[in-house]
Amino acid sequence: ISVIMECPRCGSDDVRKLGHIISRRGKKQRYQCINGHTFYNEKDYAVKKGK
């Protein structure tokens, strides 16, 4: 499943959905880019994770 998104680490736009993670704050959608970086769809979280 390809998604129109950019990886916050490398800027690649070849991104796939990985499934959901259930956290205490609810469900998060996980994504993975072609270079193997995984991140989430919450923008602020994705930026923090990408650093």
PDB file of N, CA and C in Angstrom:
ATOM      1  N   ILE A   1       0.863  -1.178   0.000  1.00  0.00           N
ATOM      2  CA  ILE A   1       0.000   0.000   0.000  1.00  0.00           C
ATOM      3  C   ILE A   1       0.901   1.229   0.000  1.00  0.00           C
ATOM      4  N   SER A   2       0.870   1.995  -1.057  1.00  0.00           N
ATOM      5  CA  SER A   2       1.700   3.197  -1.066  1.00  0.00           C
ATOM      6  C   SER A   2       0.855   4.388  -0.636  1.00  0.00           C
ATOM      7  N   VAL A   3       1.496   5.325   0.003  1.00  0.00           N
ATOM      8  CA  VAL A   3       0.821   6.458   0.618  1.00  0.00           C
ATOM      9  C   VAL A   3       1.490   7.723   0.105  1.00  0.00           C
ATOM     10  N   ILE A   4       0.707   8.794  -0.047  1.00  0.00           N
ATOM     11  CA  ILE A   4       1.309  10.059  -0.453  1.00  0.00           C
ATOM     12  C   ILE A   4       1.737  10.797   0.808  1.00  0.00           C
ATOM     13  N   MET A   5       2.971  10.584   1.191  1.00  0.00           N
ATOM     14  CA  MET A   5       3.541  11.181   2.395  1.00  0.00           C
ATOM     15  C   MET A   5       5.031  11.280   2.171  1.00  0.00           C
ATOM     16  N   GLU A   6       5.697  12.054   3.027  1.00  0.00           N
ATOM     17  CA  GLU A   6       7.150  12.114   2.966  1.00  0.00           C
ATOM     18  C   GLU A   6       7.721  11.585   4.257  1.00  0.00           C
ATOM     19  N   CYS A   7       8.819  10.871   4.152  1.00  0.00           N
ATOM     20  CA  CYS A   7       9.514  10.425   5.354  1.00  0.00           C
ATOM     21  C   CYS A   7      10.165  11.633   6.019  1.00  0.00           C
ATOM     22  N   PRO A   8       9.948  11.832   7.324  1.00  0.00           N
ATOM     23  CA  PRO A   8      10.547  13.000   7.982  1.00  0.00           C
ATOM     24  C   PRO A   8      12.065  12.894   8.120  1.00  0.00           C
ATOM     25  N   ARG A   9      12.623  11.700   7.976  1.00  0.00           N
ATOM     26  CA  ARG A   9      14.076  11.548   8.107  1.00  0.00           C
ATOM     27  C   ARG A   9      14.799  11.838   6.808  1.00  0.00           C
ATOM     28  N   CYS A  10      14.335  11.219   5.712  1.00  0.00           N
ATOM     29  CA  CYS A  10      15.119  11.320   4.478  1.00  0.00           C
ATOM     30  C   CYS A  10      14.358  12.008   3.355  1.00  0.00           C
ATOM     31  N   GLY A  11      13.073  12.329   3.571  1.00  0.00           N
ATOM     32  CA  GLY A  11      12.315  13.037   2.553  1.00  0.00           C
ATOM     33  C   GLY A  11      11.826  12.164   1.414  1.00  0.00           C
ATOM     34  N   SER A  12      12.043  10.850   1.501  1.00  0.00           N
ATOM     35  CA  SER A  12      11.566   9.953   0.455  1.00  0.00           C
ATOM     36  C   SER A  12      10.050   9.930   0.444  1.00  0.00           C
ATOM     37  N   ASP A  13       9.458   9.913  -0.761  1.00  0.00           N
ATOM     38  CA  ASP A  13       8.000   9.859  -0.806  1.00  0.00           C
ATOM     39  C   ASP A  13       7.506   8.460  -1.159  1.00  0.00           C
ATOM     40  N   ASP A  14       8.386   7.470  -1.088  1.00  0.00           N
ATOM     41  CA  ASP A  14       7.981   6.081  -1.304  1.00  0.00           C
ATOM     42  C   ASP A  14       7.705   5.460   0.063  1.00  0.00           C
ATOM     43  N   VAL A  15       6.469   5.592   0.513  1.00  0.00           N
ATOM     44  CA  VAL A  15       6.104   5.262   1.889  1.00  0.00           C
ATOM     45  C   VAL A  15       4.992   4.232   1.886  1.00  0.00           C
ATOM     46  N   ARG A  16       5.119   3.233   2.764  1.00  0.00           N
ATOM     47  CA  ARG A  16       4.086   2.200   2.893  1.00  0.00           C
ATOM     48  C   ARG A  16       3.475   2.242   4.280  1.00  0.00           C
ATOM     49  N   LYS A  17       2.220   1.781   4.357  1.00  0.00           N
ATOM     50  CA  LYS A  17       1.582   1.617   5.663  1.00  0.00           C
ATOM     51  C   LYS A  17       2.075   0.334   6.304  1.00  0.00           C
ATOM     52  N   LEU A  18       2.326   0.390   7.606  1.00  0.00           N
ATOM     53  CA  LEU A  18       2.757  -0.801   8.337  1.00  0.00           C
ATOM     54  C   LEU A  18       1.692  -1.356   9.261  1.00  0.00           C
ATOM     55  N   GLY A  19       0.688  -0.584   9.600  1.00  0.00           N
ATOM     56  CA  GLY A  19      -0.298  -1.053  10.567  1.00  0.00           C
ATOM     57  C   GLY A  19      -0.363  -0.111  11.754  1.00  0.00           C
ATOM     58  N   HIS A  20      -1.187  -0.455  12.714  1.00  0.00           N
ATOM     59  CA  HIS A  20      -1.432   0.432  13.845  1.00  0.00           C
ATOM     60  C   HIS A  20      -0.654   0.006  15.075  1.00  0.00           C
ATOM     61  N   ILE A  21      -0.341   0.974  15.881  1.00  0.00           N
ATOM     62  CA  ILE A  21       0.183   0.730  17.224  1.00  0.00           C
ATOM     63  C   ILE A  21      -0.861   1.274  18.191  1.00  0.00           C
ATOM     64  N   ILE A  22      -1.188   0.511  19.192  1.00  0.00           N
ATOM     65  CA  ILE A  22      -2.121   0.994  20.206  1.00  0.00           C
ATOM     66  C   ILE A  22      -1.291   1.544  21.363  1.00  0.00           C
ATOM     67  N   SER A  23      -1.441   2.823  21.628  1.00  0.00           N
ATOM     68  CA  SER A  23      -0.745   3.411  22.766  1.00  0.00           C
ATOM     69  C   SER A  23      -1.784   3.896  23.759  1.00  0.00           C
ATOM     70  N   ARG A  24      -1.309   4.447  24.855  1.00  0.00           N
ATOM     71  CA  ARG A  24      -2.254   4.928  25.860  1.00  0.00           C
ATOM     72  C   ARG A  24      -3.092   6.077  25.327  1.00  0.00           C
ATOM     73  N   ARG A  25      -2.578   6.784  24.337  1.00  0.00           N
ATOM     74  CA  ARG A  25      -3.325   7.920  23.799  1.00  0.00           C
ATOM     75  C   ARG A  25      -4.185   7.525  22.609  1.00  0.00           C
ATOM     76  N   GLY A  26      -4.251   6.248  22.297  1.00  0.00           N
ATOM     77  CA  GLY A  26      -5.092   5.829  21.181  1.00  0.00           C
ATOM     78  C   GLY A  26      -4.293   5.139  20.096  1.00  0.00           C
ATOM     79  N   LYS A  27      -4.920   5.025  18.920  1.00  0.00           N
ATOM     80  CA  LYS A  27      -4.292   4.302  17.822  1.00  0.00           C
ATOM     81  C   LYS A  27      -3.404   5.238  17.018  1.00  0.00           C
ATOM     82  N   LYS A  28      -2.251   4.731  16.613  1.00  0.00           N
ATOM     83  CA  LYS A  28      -1.377   5.475  15.711  1.00  0.00           C
ATOM     84  C   LYS A  28      -1.125   4.616  14.489  1.00  0.00           C
ATOM     85  N   GLN A  29      -1.126   5.242  13.326  1.00  0.00           N
ATOM     86  CA  GLN A  29      -0.791   4.535  12.098  1.00  0.00           C
ATOM     87  C   GLN A  29       0.716   4.597  11.905  1.00  0.00           C
ATOM     88  N   ARG A  30       1.349   3.437  11.717  1.00  0.00           N
ATOM     89  CA  ARG A  30       2.789   3.414  11.455  1.00  0.00           C
ATOM     90  C   ARG A  30       3.040   3.396   9.956  1.00  0.00           C
ATOM     91  N   TYR A  31       4.109   4.037   9.537  1.00  0.00           N
ATOM     92  CA  TYR A  31       4.525   4.054   8.142  1.00  0.00           C
ATOM     93  C   TYR A  31       5.993   3.684   8.052  1.00  0.00           C
ATOM     94  N   GLN A  32       6.381   3.163   6.898  1.00  0.00           N
ATOM     95  CA  GLN A  32       7.792   2.897   6.656  1.00  0.00           C
ATOM     96  C   GLN A  32       8.140   3.372   5.252  1.00  0.00           C
ATOM     97  N   CYS A  33       9.273   4.064   5.115  1.00  0.00           N
ATOM     98  CA  CYS A  33       9.699   4.517   3.797  1.00  0.00           C
ATOM     99  C   CYS A  33      10.626   3.485   3.172  1.00  0.00           C
ATOM    100  N   ILE A  34      10.982   3.706   1.928  1.00  0.00           N
ATOM    101  CA  ILE A  34      11.774   2.752   1.150  1.00  0.00           C
ATOM    102  C   ILE A  34      13.148   2.522   1.779  1.00  0.00           C
ATOM    103  N   ASN A  35      13.650   3.492   2.549  1.00  0.00           N
ATOM    104  CA  ASN A  35      14.956   3.339   3.189  1.00  0.00           C
ATOM    105  C   ASN A  35      14.879   2.686   4.564  1.00  0.00           C
ATOM    106  N   GLY A  36      13.691   2.251   4.949  1.00  0.00           N
ATOM    107  CA  GLY A  36      13.567   1.505   6.195  1.00  0.00           C
ATOM    108  C   GLY A  36      13.284   2.348   7.425  1.00  0.00           C
ATOM    109  N   HIS A  37      13.067   3.651   7.254  1.00  0.00           N
ATOM    110  CA  HIS A  37      12.722   4.482   8.404  1.00  0.00           C
ATOM    111  C   HIS A  37      11.252   4.266   8.748  1.00  0.00           C
ATOM    112  N   THR A  38      10.971   4.034  10.018  1.00  0.00           N
ATOM    113  CA  THR A  38       9.571   3.944  10.429  1.00  0.00           C
ATOM    114  C   THR A  38       9.191   5.209  11.189  1.00  0.00           C
ATOM    115  N   PHE A  39       7.959   5.644  10.996  1.00  0.00           N
ATOM    116  CA  PHE A  39       7.478   6.855  11.662  1.00  0.00           C
ATOM    117  C   PHE A  39       5.968   6.780  11.753  1.00  0.00           C
ATOM    118  N   TYR A  40       5.372   7.797  12.367  1.00  0.00           N
ATOM    119  CA  TYR A  40       3.935   7.824  12.606  1.00  0.00           C
ATOM    120  C   TYR A  40       3.323   9.007  11.888  1.00  0.00           C
ATOM    121  N   ASN A  41       1.999   8.983  11.772  1.00  0.00           N
ATOM    122  CA  ASN A  41       1.344  10.032  10.999  1.00  0.00           C
ATOM    123  C   ASN A  41       1.073  11.298  11.791  1.00  0.00           C
ATOM    124  N   GLU A  42       1.335  11.291  13.095  1.00  0.00           N
ATOM    125  CA  GLU A  42       1.193  12.538  13.837  1.00  0.00           C
ATOM    126  C   GLU A  42       2.394  13.393  13.504  1.00  0.00           C
ATOM    127  N   LYS A  43       2.156  14.578  12.984  1.00  0.00           N
ATOM    128  CA  LYS A  43       3.249  15.363  12.423  1.00  0.00           C
ATOM    129  C   LYS A  43       4.337  15.670  13.446  1.00  0.00           C
ATOM    130  N   ASP A  44       3.922  16.133  14.620  1.00  0.00           N
ATOM    131  CA  ASP A  44       4.940  16.506  15.611  1.00  0.00           C
ATOM    132  C   ASP A  44       5.721  15.278  16.069  1.00  0.00           C
ATOM    133  N   TYR A  45       5.024  14.147  16.179  1.00  0.00           N
ATOM    134  CA  TYR A  45       5.692  12.920  16.597  1.00  0.00           C
ATOM    135  C   TYR A  45       6.677  12.451  15.528  1.00  0.00           C
ATOM    136  N   ALA A  46       6.261  12.526  14.277  1.00  0.00           N
ATOM    137  CA  ALA A  46       7.123  12.090  13.177  1.00  0.00           C
ATOM    138  C   ALA A  46       8.388  12.949  13.121  1.00  0.00           C
ATOM    139  N   VAL A  47       8.240  14.241  13.363  1.00  0.00           N
ATOM    140  CA  VAL A  47       9.405  15.114  13.324  1.00  0.00           C
ATOM    141  C   VAL A  47      10.357  14.774  14.463  1.00  0.00           C
ATOM    142  N   LYS A  48       9.831  14.549  15.663  1.00  0.00           N
ATOM    143  CA  LYS A  48      10.686  14.182  16.788  1.00  0.00           C
ATOM    144  C   LYS A  48      11.407  12.877  16.519  1.00  0.00           C
ATOM    145  N   LYS A  49      10.665  11.899  15.983  1.00  0.00           N
ATOM    146  CA  LYS A  49      11.232  10.584  15.731  1.00  0.00           C
ATOM    147  C   LYS A  49      12.311  10.655  14.654  1.00  0.00           C
ATOM    148  N   GLY A  50      12.183  11.607  13.729  1.00  0.00           N
ATOM    149  CA  GLY A  50      13.105  11.668  12.609  1.00  0.00           C
ATOM    150  C   GLY A  50      14.452  12.284  12.946  1.00  0.00           C
ATOM    151  N   LYS A  51      14.601  12.848  14.148  1.00  0.00           N
ATOM    152  CA  LYS A  51      15.855  13.545  14.457  1.00  0.00           C
ATOM    153  C   LYS A  51      16.956  12.621  14.915  1.00  0.00           C
TER     154      LYS A  51
END
